[in-house]
Amino acid sequence: MSKDIKITAEEVREVESIDMELKRIQLEQAKMALELTKRQVQDHKDQEADRERKRQVRIEAIRKNKETDENLRRICKHKTGGRGKAGFYSGDGRWGYCVSPQQLPTQEIYFLCFRCQKEWHMPKKGDVVNGLLSMEDYRKQAAEYAEVAAWDKPYFDGGGQVCASVLFRIPQLELQEAKDAEAFAKLEH
């Protein structure tokens, strides 16, 4: 047995009114969600633009610093020393050079100019073997290193040597250097 349910016209209008109100609320919620999403997207774009702007500022600062350092190194009087603070920093040409030998804990020796911080390292044979450095560039850098090593450096007698207690060996590095030397020798012939 089924009962017939009778709905009055007023009840139909009330249901339609409730349905319309729900649809309006859903529409308002959708508009709010859309507005929130738009703001989040804009905030994200603004943050990305800000990050990119900061990145560009850092890149420009690094470029300017590098350019300044290169200019300083180009005009530096590595080969002029001098007595006293003024001679040390400006170089009056009367007393040695302002370059010091330094020894790393791995026992590598390099040279450092105390005015412009230029460093001279013996080029690595592995760089030639691995194609990172041409043989011509290797020889040029090795000759420059040998020249700097021969400079008079009276300011730095015993210069920059690391205390023996902090020197260490890295067997894997030594093995790689031996392999590179062997491969390099083959390239020289």
Protein backbone atom coordinates (compact mmCIF):
# COMPACT_ATOMS: atom_id res chain seq x y z
CA MET A 1 0.00 0.00 0.00
CA SER A 2 1.30 3.28 -0.95
CA LYS A 3 0.25 6.53 0.47
CA ASP A 4 -0.05 9.42 -1.83
CA ILE A 5 1.81 12.38 -0.48
CA LYS A 6 0.33 15.61 -1.49
CA ILE A 7 2.54 18.68 -1.64
CA THR A 8 0.91 21.98 -1.67
CA ALA A 9 1.95 24.79 -3.96
CA GLU A 10 3.19 26.73 -0.94
CA GLU A 11 5.45 23.84 0.05
CA VAL A 12 6.78 23.63 -3.51
CA ARG A 13 7.60 27.34 -3.41
CA GLU A 14 9.29 26.92 -0.03
CA VAL A 15 11.44 24.04 -1.35
CA GLU A 16 12.31 26.09 -4.42
CA SER A 17 13.18 29.06 -2.20
CA ILE A 18 15.43 26.90 -0.01
CA ASP A 19 17.01 25.40 -3.12
CA MET A 20 17.65 28.89 -4.54
CA GLU A 21 19.13 30.05 -1.22
CA LEU A 22 21.46 27.01 -1.17
CA LYS A 23 22.54 27.72 -4.73
CA ARG A 24 23.22 31.38 -3.83
CA ILE A 25 25.29 30.30 -0.83
CA GLN A 26 27.21 27.78 -2.97
CA LEU A 27 27.81 30.49 -5.57
CA GLU A 28 29.07 32.88 -2.89
CA GLN A 29 31.37 30.16 -1.51
CA ALA A 30 32.70 29.46 -5.01
CA LYS A 31 33.33 33.20 -5.54
CA MET A 32 35.16 33.41 -2.21
CA ALA A 33 37.26 30.33 -3.04
CA LEU A 34 38.06 31.78 -6.46
CA GLU A 35 39.07 35.13 -4.92
CA LEU A 36 41.25 33.35 -2.33
CA THR A 37 42.90 31.27 -5.05
CA LYS A 38 43.51 34.39 -7.16
CA ARG A 39 45.17 36.09 -4.16
CA GLN A 40 47.31 33.03 -3.47
CA VAL A 41 48.39 32.85 -7.12
CA GLN A 42 49.21 36.57 -7.10
CA ASP A 43 51.13 36.23 -3.82
CA HIS A 44 53.07 33.33 -5.32
CA LYS A 45 53.86 35.36 -8.46
CA ASP A 46 54.95 38.31 -6.30
CA GLN A 47 57.20 36.07 -4.21
CA GLU A 48 58.72 34.55 -7.35
CA ALA A 49 59.31 38.02 -8.81
CA ASP A 50 60.88 39.14 -5.54
CA ARG A 51 63.13 36.08 -5.44
CA GLU A 52 64.18 36.69 -9.05
CA ARG A 53 64.85 40.38 -8.32
CA LYS A 54 66.99 39.44 -5.30
CA ARG A 55 68.80 36.81 -7.36
CA GLN A 56 69.57 39.38 -10.05
CA VAL A 57 70.83 41.83 -7.40
CA ARG A 58 73.12 39.12 -5.96
CA ILE A 59 74.38 38.17 -9.42
CA GLU A 60 75.15 41.82 -10.18
CA ALA A 61 76.91 42.28 -6.83
CA ILE A 62 79.00 39.16 -7.45
CA ARG A 63 79.84 40.37 -10.95
CA LYS A 64 80.89 43.80 -9.64
CA ASN A 65 82.96 42.25 -6.84
CA LYS A 66 84.65 39.92 -9.30
CA GLU A 67 85.35 42.83 -11.66
CA THR A 68 86.77 44.89 -8.75
CA ASP A 69 88.93 41.96 -7.64
CA GLU A 70 90.19 41.40 -11.19
CA ASN A 71 91.04 45.10 -11.56
CA LEU A 72 92.84 45.07 -8.21
CA ARG A 73 94.81 41.99 -9.19
CA ARG A 74 95.66 43.48 -12.57
CA ILE A 75 97.17 46.63 -11.03
CA CYS A 76 98.62 44.96 -7.92
CA LYS A 77 102.36 45.28 -7.44
CA HIS A 78 102.93 41.67 -6.37
CA LYS A 79 106.64 42.06 -6.95
CA THR A 80 107.13 45.13 -4.78
CA GLY A 81 107.55 45.05 -1.06
CA GLY A 82 108.69 47.73 1.28
CA ARG A 83 109.44 48.37 4.90
CA GLY A 84 106.74 49.15 7.38
CA LYS A 85 103.00 49.15 6.95
CA ALA A 86 102.97 51.57 4.00
CA GLY A 87 105.58 49.52 2.11
CA PHE A 88 103.73 46.31 2.85
CA TYR A 89 100.41 47.61 1.51
CA SER A 90 101.58 49.93 -1.25
CA GLY A 91 104.91 48.45 -2.21
CA ASP A 92 107.86 50.74 -2.62
CA GLY A 93 110.02 48.20 -4.41
CA ARG A 94 112.80 48.13 -1.85
CA TRP A 95 112.18 45.00 0.13
CA GLY A 96 111.00 41.68 -1.28
CA TYR A 97 107.57 40.76 -2.51
CA CYS A 98 104.25 40.73 -0.73
CA VAL A 99 103.59 37.09 -1.63
CA SER A 100 103.63 34.27 0.88
CA PRO A 101 103.88 30.53 0.40
CA GLN A 102 100.99 28.71 2.07
CA GLN A 103 100.70 25.02 2.82
CA LEU A 104 97.33 23.33 3.01
CA PRO A 105 96.73 20.45 5.42
CA THR A 106 96.92 18.15 2.37
CA GLN A 107 100.52 19.38 1.97
CA GLU A 108 99.76 21.27 -1.26
CA ILE A 109 101.80 24.46 -1.43
CA TYR A 110 100.40 27.55 -3.09
CA PHE A 111 101.28 31.25 -3.05
CA LEU A 112 99.11 34.14 -1.88
CA CYS A 113 99.50 37.87 -2.50
CA PHE A 114 98.54 39.68 0.68
CA ARG A 115 97.52 42.82 -1.17
CA CYS A 116 95.06 41.47 -3.70
CA GLN A 117 94.54 37.86 -2.50
CA LYS A 118 95.60 36.39 -5.83
CA GLU A 119 96.51 32.74 -5.47
CA TRP A 120 98.94 30.72 -7.56
CA HIS A 121 98.37 26.95 -7.47
CA MET A 122 100.29 24.30 -9.34
CA PRO A 123 97.85 23.18 -12.02
CA LYS A 124 96.48 19.68 -11.65
CA LYS A 125 97.53 17.05 -14.14
CA GLY A 126 94.09 15.49 -13.79
CA ASP A 127 92.56 18.64 -15.28
CA VAL A 128 94.57 18.03 -18.47
CA VAL A 129 93.76 14.32 -18.46
CA ASN A 130 90.03 15.08 -18.03
CA GLY A 131 90.02 17.79 -20.72
CA LEU A 132 89.37 20.67 -18.29
CA LEU A 133 92.70 22.32 -19.11
CA SER A 134 94.75 22.31 -22.29
CA MET A 135 98.39 21.22 -22.22
CA GLU A 136 99.35 24.75 -23.29
CA ASP A 137 97.42 26.30 -20.38
CA TYR A 138 98.90 23.72 -18.00
CA ARG A 139 102.43 24.63 -19.04
CA LYS A 140 101.68 28.35 -18.82
CA GLN A 141 100.22 28.02 -15.29
CA ALA A 142 103.04 25.72 -14.18
CA ALA A 143 105.63 28.23 -15.45
CA GLU A 144 103.87 31.09 -13.65
CA TYR A 145 103.75 29.00 -10.46
CA ALA A 146 107.50 28.24 -10.73
CA GLU A 147 108.24 31.94 -11.32
CA VAL A 148 106.27 32.97 -8.22
CA ALA A 149 107.97 30.22 -6.19
CA ALA A 150 111.35 31.75 -7.10
CA TRP A 151 110.43 35.30 -5.99
CA ASP A 152 112.21 36.80 -3.00
CA LYS A 153 109.78 36.69 -0.07
CA PRO A 154 111.64 37.98 3.00
CA TYR A 155 108.43 39.00 4.78
CA PHE A 156 107.40 35.40 4.96
CA ASP A 157 110.38 33.30 5.97
CA GLY A 158 108.95 29.89 6.82
CA GLY A 159 105.88 31.44 5.25
CA GLY A 160 102.52 29.96 5.83
CA GLN A 161 103.60 26.45 6.69
CA VAL A 162 101.03 24.41 8.49
CA CYS A 163 102.01 22.80 11.78
CA ALA A 164 102.96 19.17 11.12
CA SER A 165 100.34 17.97 13.61
CA VAL A 166 97.55 19.17 11.31
CA LEU A 167 98.97 17.83 8.06
CA PHE A 168 97.24 14.74 6.80
CA ARG A 169 97.24 12.31 3.92
CA ILE A 170 94.26 11.31 1.83
CA PRO A 171 95.14 7.94 0.30
CA GLN A 172 92.37 8.14 -2.31
CA LEU A 173 93.58 11.62 -3.37
CA GLU A 174 97.17 10.38 -3.56
CA LEU A 175 96.07 7.38 -5.63
CA GLN A 176 94.12 9.65 -8.01
CA GLU A 177 97.10 12.02 -8.33
CA ALA A 178 99.35 9.04 -9.18
CA LYS A 179 96.88 7.83 -11.84
CA ASP A 180 96.62 11.38 -13.23
CA ALA A 181 100.42 11.68 -13.34
CA GLU A 182 100.66 8.41 -15.27
CA ALA A 183 97.98 9.45 -17.75
CA PHE A 184 99.55 12.91 -18.04
CA ALA A 185 102.95 11.40 -18.83
CA LYS A 186 101.36 9.50 -21.73
CA LEU A 187 99.86 12.74 -23.06
CA GLU A 188 103.24 14.50 -22.95
CA HIS A 189 104.85 11.94 -25.23
